[in-house]
Amino acid sequence: MPRIRCHYIDCILLDEGYCGAAAIELDPDVGCMTYKQSDNIKDDDDWDEEDNDELDEWDDLDIDDDDELWIDDDDY
C-alpha cells in the first residue's frame, strides 16, 4: 500500500510525516480535502506573544552598566 508524504504539520491524520487516512481526496486548486486541523497546535500569533513577553522581562532588568553582567576571573 503506498504511503503519502504530508506537508501539513497540524493535521490530525498526520503520522510521522505521512498521511494516516485510509483514503484521501485531492483537489488541484484547493489541496487535500481530507485535511483536518488539530486544535492543540499553537498559532504563530501565540508564539509572537510569548517572544514579546520574554523580551519585556529583559527590558525590565535594572542594570546600569553592561560590565555588571560579566564575572571577573580575578574574583575566583
Protein backbone atom coordinates (compact mmCIF):
# COMPACT_ATOMS: atom_id res chain seq x y z
CA MET A 1 0.00 0.00 0.00
CA PRO A 2 1.52 3.38 -0.98
CA ARG A 3 2.14 5.99 1.69
CA ILE A 4 1.51 9.67 1.10
CA ARG A 5 4.02 12.18 2.44
CA CYS A 6 2.12 15.08 4.02
CA HIS A 7 3.38 18.66 4.39
CA TYR A 8 0.61 19.82 6.72
CA ILE A 9 2.13 19.97 10.21
CA ASP A 10 -1.17 20.45 12.06
CA CYS A 11 -3.34 17.69 10.54
CA ILE A 12 -4.89 15.18 12.94
CA LEU A 13 -4.29 12.43 10.39
CA LEU A 14 -0.52 13.02 10.29
CA ASP A 15 1.55 10.02 11.40
CA GLU A 16 5.32 10.64 11.43
CA GLY A 17 5.16 12.81 8.32
CA TYR A 18 2.81 10.53 6.39
CA CYS A 19 -0.96 10.64 5.97
CA GLY A 20 -2.70 8.08 8.16
CA ALA A 21 -6.08 8.28 6.40
CA ALA A 22 -7.41 5.14 4.71
CA ALA A 23 -8.38 7.22 1.65
CA ILE A 24 -7.76 10.83 0.65
CA GLU A 25 -9.26 13.29 -1.79
CA LEU A 26 -7.06 15.83 -3.55
CA ASP A 27 -8.25 18.93 -5.37
CA PRO A 28 -5.64 20.56 -7.64
CA ASP A 29 -6.87 24.05 -6.74
CA VAL A 30 -7.51 23.62 -3.02
CA GLY A 31 -5.17 20.83 -1.95
CA CYS A 32 -6.01 17.95 0.38
CA MET A 33 -9.74 17.74 1.03
CA THR A 34 -9.15 15.10 3.75
CA TYR A 35 -7.09 17.53 5.87
CA LYS A 36 -8.47 18.13 9.36
CA GLN A 37 -6.73 20.76 11.50
CA SER A 38 -5.67 19.81 15.02
CA ASP A 39 -6.78 22.06 17.86
CA ASN A 40 -3.74 21.57 20.09
CA ILE A 41 -1.14 23.28 17.88
CA LYS A 42 -0.39 26.92 18.71
CA ASP A 43 -0.90 29.65 16.15
CA ASP A 44 2.01 31.83 15.06
CA ASP A 45 0.40 34.73 16.93
CA ASP A 46 0.73 32.82 20.21
CA TRP A 47 4.45 32.33 19.63
CA ASP A 48 4.94 36.03 18.91
CA GLU A 49 3.23 36.97 22.18
CA GLU A 50 5.47 34.60 24.15
CA ASP A 51 8.58 36.04 22.50
CA ASN A 52 7.47 39.58 23.30
CA ASP A 53 6.88 38.63 26.95
CA GLU A 54 10.43 37.32 27.23
CA LEU A 55 11.83 40.50 25.70
CA ASP A 56 9.82 42.59 28.15
CA GLU A 57 11.34 40.66 31.05
CA TRP A 58 14.84 41.52 29.81
CA ASP A 59 13.87 45.15 29.36
CA ASP A 60 12.61 45.29 32.96
CA LEU A 61 16.04 44.41 34.38
CA ASP A 62 17.59 47.41 36.09
CA ILE A 63 21.21 47.14 35.02
CA ASP A 64 23.07 50.41 34.54
CA ASP A 65 26.31 49.04 33.20
CA ASP A 66 26.94 46.05 30.93
CA ASP A 67 30.11 45.29 32.89
CA GLU A 68 27.95 44.09 35.79
CA LEU A 69 26.87 41.17 33.63
CA TRP A 70 30.39 39.75 33.34
CA ILE A 71 32.31 37.90 36.03
CA ASP A 72 35.98 38.69 36.52
CA ASP A 73 38.29 35.69 36.67
CA ASP A 74 40.31 37.53 39.32
CA ASP A 75 37.41 37.25 41.77
CA TYR A 76 37.79 33.46 41.98
